[in-house]
Amino acid sequence: MIISEKKEETRNQVKEWKRQGFRVGLVPTMGYLHEGHQSLMEAAKRENDKVAVSVFVNPTQFGPNEDFASYPRDFEKDAALCEKTGVDLVFHPDAGEMYGEGFCTYVDMEGLTKELCGKSRPIHFRGVQTVVSKLFHIIPADKAYFGQKDAQQLAVIKRMACDMDMDIEIVGCPIVREADGLAKSSRNTYLNAEERQAALVLSRSLAAGRKLAEAGERDASKVKKRIEEVLGEEELARTDYVEIVDFADITPIENFAEAKKGEVLCAIAVYIGKTRLIDNFIFQLQKG
């Protein structure tokens, strides 16, 4: 397995693979890898000849009072998991390599980034789009893999790739959960034992909302109210948002039937203590 810290070295290696006719899959990550990331790597390995993983904690997607400095890092462990999974190349640059002196160019978007996490993290998606755009140029892969846990990010990256005519297929992969239902996240390491138990309210509330939808409820306000009721049962939980939107363009809807492509995203962000966690489900309307 190749470990590279340099853009040019990484780009040249991927270009050589492409010249040899290999299909390349990319998994962009911020490291501290877990089974959710591993599922993305495994999907990339199934569908491509070569797999590249980027490990980079991107400073431009963190606000001034967010957890960039304390975000968990363990590159040795990350590299071991990548090698075990059969990854061919790990790109592990530092901030100076990714953002050279005088860097002043960013990728931004209207619409999709204004709702959900965009409300409380106003610069977040500009940073995400910028770094992912850069990664797509450094690692000109055929496919890139993103987890559904960050559903708004997935929608934003798909729209960016479409709007900017990027020659890459964006692949969304299912949420990977702990046995008790908690969505796997690097930020779960911030939780103490009491908070870890309290965090189960996220998946429990979404399960209650999904149950209503599966029973035929299409009024978004009623599904949202049910999710909020369950969240309200946990004293350690402080809700940032509960939103029901059209997954195609992240716009709020009043009725599930308004979803343009039949996909409804029910998304939540909740503080457990000082830790902000997100989770969601996507409800697919039956055609006809």
Protein backbone atom coordinates (compact mmCIF):
# COMPACT_ATOMS: atom_id res chain seq x y z
CA MET A 1 0.00 0.00 0.00
CA ILE A 2 1.32 3.43 -0.98
CA ILE A 3 1.19 6.26 1.57
CA SER A 4 1.69 9.68 0.02
CA GLU A 5 1.73 13.13 1.57
CA LYS A 6 2.25 15.01 -1.69
CA LYS A 7 -0.33 16.08 -4.28
CA GLU A 8 1.90 15.64 -7.31
CA GLU A 9 3.07 12.18 -6.29
CA THR A 10 -0.52 11.09 -5.64
CA ARG A 11 -1.85 12.51 -8.91
CA ASN A 12 0.93 10.88 -10.94
CA GLN A 13 0.26 7.49 -9.36
CA VAL A 14 -3.46 7.64 -10.11
CA LYS A 15 -2.80 8.85 -13.66
CA GLU A 16 -0.49 5.86 -14.16
CA TRP A 17 -3.23 3.50 -13.01
CA LYS A 18 -5.62 5.13 -15.44
CA ARG A 19 -3.12 4.77 -18.28
CA GLN A 20 -2.96 1.07 -17.48
CA GLY A 21 -6.74 0.85 -17.82
CA PHE A 22 -7.57 0.48 -14.14
CA ARG A 23 -10.79 1.87 -12.68
CA VAL A 24 -10.15 3.89 -9.53
CA GLY A 25 -12.42 4.42 -6.53
CA LEU A 26 -11.90 7.25 -4.02
CA VAL A 27 -13.01 7.41 -0.39
CA PRO A 28 -12.53 10.93 1.05
CA THR A 29 -12.25 10.90 4.86
CA MET A 30 -11.12 13.01 7.79
CA GLY A 31 -9.53 9.99 9.41
CA TYR A 32 -10.13 8.30 12.76
CA LEU A 33 -11.60 5.55 10.63
CA HIS A 34 -14.29 3.17 11.85
CA GLU A 35 -16.54 0.49 10.38
CA GLY A 36 -18.58 3.10 8.53
CA HIS A 37 -15.50 4.23 6.60
CA GLN A 38 -14.51 0.60 6.11
CA SER A 39 -17.85 -0.11 4.45
CA LEU A 40 -17.11 2.68 1.94
CA MET A 41 -13.67 1.23 1.24
CA GLU A 42 -15.16 -2.24 0.76
CA ALA A 43 -17.74 -0.86 -1.68
CA ALA A 44 -14.98 0.94 -3.59
CA LYS A 45 -12.92 -2.25 -3.70
CA ARG A 46 -15.84 -4.29 -5.07
CA GLU A 47 -16.52 -1.82 -7.87
CA ASN A 48 -12.99 -0.74 -8.90
CA ASP A 49 -9.54 -2.10 -9.65
CA LYS A 50 -7.72 0.35 -7.39
CA VAL A 51 -8.85 2.19 -4.24
CA ALA A 52 -7.50 5.47 -2.90
CA VAL A 53 -8.41 6.87 0.53
CA SER A 54 -7.72 10.45 1.58
CA VAL A 55 -7.10 11.13 5.28
CA PHE A 56 -7.20 14.87 5.93
CA VAL A 57 -8.86 16.86 8.72
CA ASN A 58 -9.98 19.80 6.60
CA PRO A 59 -9.68 23.13 8.47
CA THR A 60 -11.85 25.10 6.03
CA GLN A 61 -15.03 23.25 7.01
CA PHE A 62 -14.76 24.07 10.72
CA GLY A 63 -16.11 27.28 12.21
CA PRO A 64 -14.09 29.33 14.75
CA ASN A 65 -15.80 27.75 17.77
CA GLU A 66 -15.93 24.18 16.46
CA ASP A 67 -13.79 21.15 17.22
CA PHE A 68 -11.01 21.29 14.61
CA ALA A 69 -8.21 21.23 17.19
CA SER A 70 -9.74 18.42 19.23
CA TYR A 71 -11.05 16.34 16.31
CA PRO A 72 -9.74 12.79 16.93
CA ARG A 73 -6.69 11.74 14.93
CA ASP A 74 -4.83 8.42 14.77
CA PHE A 75 -3.14 8.00 11.41
CA GLU A 76 -1.24 4.86 12.36
CA LYS A 77 -4.51 3.11 13.15
CA ASP A 78 -6.13 4.54 10.01
CA ALA A 79 -3.31 3.25 7.79
CA ALA A 80 -3.54 -0.20 9.37
CA LEU A 81 -7.29 -0.40 8.67
CA CYS A 82 -6.78 0.77 5.08
CA GLU A 83 -4.12 -1.87 4.50
CA LYS A 84 -6.27 -4.58 6.09
CA THR A 85 -9.18 -3.60 3.80
CA GLY A 86 -7.01 -3.76 0.68
CA VAL A 87 -6.64 -0.06 -0.08
CA ASP A 88 -3.95 0.68 -2.67
CA LEU A 89 -3.11 4.30 -1.83
CA VAL A 90 -3.59 6.58 1.17
CA PHE A 91 -3.26 10.31 0.56
CA HIS A 92 -2.36 12.01 3.85
CA PRO A 93 -1.40 15.65 3.25
CA ASP A 94 -1.00 18.41 5.79
CA ALA A 95 -2.85 21.73 5.57
CA GLY A 96 0.10 23.46 3.96
CA GLU A 97 0.15 20.92 1.13
CA MET A 98 -3.59 21.25 0.51
CA TYR A 99 -3.85 25.02 0.95
CA GLY A 100 -0.68 26.74 -0.22
CA GLU A 101 0.42 30.25 0.63
CA GLY A 102 -2.10 32.85 -0.52
CA PHE A 103 -4.88 30.32 -1.09
CA CYS A 104 -8.10 32.26 -1.78
CA THR A 105 -10.31 30.18 -4.08
CA TYR A 106 -13.42 28.42 -2.74
CA VAL A 107 -16.33 26.42 -4.13
CA ASP A 108 -19.73 27.52 -2.88
CA MET A 109 -23.36 26.71 -3.62
CA GLU A 110 -26.80 28.26 -3.31
CA GLY A 111 -29.86 26.45 -2.00
CA LEU A 112 -28.82 23.01 -0.82
CA THR A 113 -26.36 24.35 1.75
CA LYS A 114 -28.75 26.76 3.46
CA GLU A 115 -30.93 24.27 5.33
CA LEU A 116 -30.17 21.66 8.00
CA CYS A 117 -26.49 21.83 9.05
CA GLY A 118 -25.97 24.90 6.90
CA LYS A 119 -28.05 27.00 9.29
CA SER A 120 -25.87 26.43 12.33
CA ARG A 121 -22.60 25.85 10.41
CA PRO A 122 -22.65 28.59 7.76
CA ILE A 123 -19.15 28.05 6.34
CA HIS A 124 -19.13 24.27 6.63
CA PHE A 125 -20.29 23.27 3.17
CA ARG A 126 -18.10 25.83 1.42
CA GLY A 127 -15.15 24.08 3.04
CA VAL A 128 -16.48 20.63 2.19
CA GLN A 129 -17.07 21.49 -1.47
CA THR A 130 -13.67 23.15 -1.79
CA VAL A 131 -11.68 20.26 -0.35
CA VAL A 132 -13.67 17.59 -2.20
CA SER A 133 -13.27 19.49 -5.47
CA LYS A 134 -9.52 19.62 -4.85
CA LEU A 135 -9.44 15.90 -4.05
CA PHE A 136 -11.28 15.09 -7.28
CA HIS A 137 -8.53 16.92 -9.19
CA ILE A 138 -5.66 15.37 -7.21
CA ILE A 139 -7.17 11.87 -7.43
CA PRO A 140 -9.04 11.69 -10.78
CA ALA A 141 -11.09 8.65 -9.80
CA ASP A 142 -14.00 7.04 -11.64
CA LYS A 143 -16.17 6.84 -8.52
CA ALA A 144 -16.19 8.53 -5.10
CA TYR A 145 -17.92 7.04 -2.07
CA PHE A 146 -19.76 8.94 0.68
CA GLY A 147 -21.87 7.74 3.61
CA GLN A 148 -25.58 8.47 3.97
CA LYS A 149 -25.06 9.52 7.60
CA ASP A 150 -23.92 12.85 6.19
CA ALA A 151 -26.94 12.96 3.90
CA GLN A 152 -26.86 16.69 3.21
CA GLN A 153 -23.17 16.44 2.33
CA LEU A 154 -23.98 13.57 -0.05
CA ALA A 155 -26.68 15.65 -1.77
CA VAL A 156 -24.36 18.68 -1.98
CA ILE A 157 -21.49 16.69 -3.50
CA LYS A 158 -23.81 15.06 -6.03
CA ARG A 159 -25.12 18.48 -7.09
CA MET A 160 -21.62 19.97 -7.26
CA ALA A 161 -20.37 17.14 -9.46
CA CYS A 162 -23.39 17.54 -11.74
CA ASP A 163 -23.33 21.33 -11.94
CA MET A 164 -19.57 21.51 -12.53
CA ASP A 165 -19.52 18.65 -15.08
CA MET A 166 -17.08 16.64 -13.02
CA ASP A 167 -16.22 13.33 -14.66
CA ILE A 168 -16.85 11.21 -11.59
CA GLU A 169 -19.75 9.12 -10.26
CA ILE A 170 -20.83 9.88 -6.69
CA VAL A 171 -21.90 6.76 -4.79
CA GLY A 172 -23.94 6.97 -1.58
CA CYS A 173 -23.58 4.10 0.91
CA PRO A 174 -25.88 3.09 3.80
CA ILE A 175 -25.42 4.25 7.39
CA VAL A 176 -23.43 1.80 9.51
CA ARG A 177 -24.65 1.52 13.10
CA GLU A 178 -23.54 0.09 16.40
CA ALA A 179 -25.45 -2.97 17.60
CA ASP A 180 -27.69 -0.73 19.74
CA GLY A 181 -28.53 1.58 16.83
CA LEU A 182 -26.16 4.53 17.31
CA ALA A 183 -24.81 5.72 13.96
CA LYS A 184 -21.05 5.24 13.83
CA SER A 185 -19.19 8.54 14.01
CA SER A 186 -15.69 9.68 14.91
CA ARG A 187 -17.33 12.15 17.31
CA ASN A 188 -18.84 9.31 19.35
CA THR A 189 -15.46 9.18 21.11
CA TYR A 190 -16.33 12.48 22.81
CA LEU A 191 -19.19 10.85 24.74
CA ASN A 192 -18.84 9.61 28.30
CA ALA A 193 -20.75 6.50 29.40
CA GLU A 194 -23.90 8.40 30.42
CA GLU A 195 -23.88 10.46 27.22
CA ARG A 196 -23.26 7.38 25.10
CA GLN A 197 -26.45 5.83 26.48
CA ALA A 198 -28.37 9.08 26.05
CA ALA A 199 -27.25 9.30 22.40
CA LEU A 200 -29.45 6.32 21.57
CA VAL A 201 -32.36 8.76 21.56
CA LEU A 202 -31.31 9.84 18.05
CA SER A 203 -31.92 6.50 16.40
CA ARG A 204 -34.92 5.84 18.65
CA SER A 205 -36.61 9.09 17.61
CA LEU A 206 -35.99 8.44 13.92
CA ALA A 207 -37.37 4.92 14.26
CA ALA A 208 -40.56 6.41 15.70
CA GLY A 209 -40.81 8.85 12.80
CA ARG A 210 -40.16 6.15 10.22
CA LYS A 211 -42.82 3.94 11.82
CA LEU A 212 -45.39 6.69 11.29
CA ALA A 213 -44.35 7.14 7.67
CA GLU A 214 -44.43 3.41 7.02
CA ALA A 215 -47.94 3.31 8.48
CA GLY A 216 -49.02 5.78 5.79
CA GLU A 217 -48.55 9.20 7.41
CA ARG A 218 -47.56 11.75 4.77
CA ASP A 219 -47.98 14.99 6.74
CA ALA A 220 -44.40 16.06 7.41
CA SER A 221 -45.35 18.13 10.46
CA LYS A 222 -46.83 15.07 12.19
CA VAL A 223 -43.78 12.94 11.53
CA LYS A 224 -41.54 15.78 12.71
CA LYS A 225 -43.62 16.23 15.87
CA ARG A 226 -43.30 12.53 16.70
CA ILE A 227 -39.51 12.67 16.33
CA GLU A 228 -39.36 15.78 18.55
CA GLU A 229 -41.53 14.08 21.19
CA VAL A 230 -39.11 11.19 21.53
CA LEU A 231 -36.08 13.50 21.61
CA GLY A 232 -37.79 15.48 24.36
CA GLU A 233 -37.82 12.39 26.57
CA GLU A 234 -34.02 12.51 26.97
CA GLU A 235 -32.79 15.11 29.48
CA LEU A 236 -29.24 15.20 28.09
CA ALA A 237 -30.41 15.88 24.55
CA ARG A 238 -30.62 19.41 23.13
CA THR A 239 -32.07 19.56 19.64
CA ASP A 240 -30.34 21.66 16.99
CA TYR A 241 -32.86 20.74 14.30
CA VAL A 242 -35.42 18.21 13.17
CA GLU A 243 -36.23 18.71 9.50
CA ILE A 244 -38.07 16.87 6.76
CA VAL A 245 -36.92 17.85 3.28
CA ASP A 246 -36.90 16.75 -0.32
CA PHE A 247 -33.66 14.77 -0.61
CA ALA A 248 -33.21 15.92 -4.20
CA ASP A 249 -32.66 19.58 -3.33
CA ILE A 250 -32.82 19.80 0.51
CA THR A 251 -35.92 22.04 0.46
CA PRO A 252 -38.52 21.77 3.24
CA ILE A 253 -41.76 19.99 2.34
CA GLU A 254 -45.15 19.90 4.02
CA ASN A 255 -46.19 16.54 2.58
CA PHE A 256 -44.07 13.56 1.58
CA ALA A 257 -45.80 13.52 -1.81
CA GLU A 258 -44.02 16.80 -2.70
CA ALA A 259 -40.64 15.03 -3.00
CA LYS A 260 -39.68 15.44 -6.66
CA LYS A 261 -37.93 12.07 -7.02
CA GLY A 262 -39.92 10.31 -4.31
CA GLU A 263 -37.11 10.47 -1.72
CA VAL A 264 -37.82 12.19 1.60
CA LEU A 265 -34.96 12.96 3.98
CA CYS A 266 -35.80 13.07 7.68
CA ALA A 267 -32.69 14.55 9.33
CA ILE A 268 -31.78 15.53 12.87
CA ALA A 269 -28.88 17.18 14.67
CA VAL A 270 -28.78 16.85 18.44
CA TYR A 271 -26.34 17.92 21.13
CA ILE A 272 -25.62 15.26 23.73
CA GLY A 273 -23.74 17.25 26.32
CA LYS A 274 -21.29 19.29 24.23
CA THR A 275 -21.18 16.79 21.37
CA ARG A 276 -23.21 17.49 18.26
CA LEU A 277 -24.42 14.31 16.54
CA ILE A 278 -26.39 13.87 13.32
CA ASP A 279 -28.55 11.05 12.02
CA ASN A 280 -31.28 10.54 9.44
CA PHE A 281 -33.39 8.22 7.40
CA ILE A 282 -34.45 8.45 3.77
CA PHE A 283 -38.02 7.39 3.04
CA GLN A 284 -38.70 6.14 -0.46
CA LEU A 285 -42.24 6.72 -1.67
CA GLN A 286 -43.80 3.88 -3.59
CA LYS A 287 -44.23 4.62 -7.27
CA GLY A 288 -47.77 4.65 -8.52
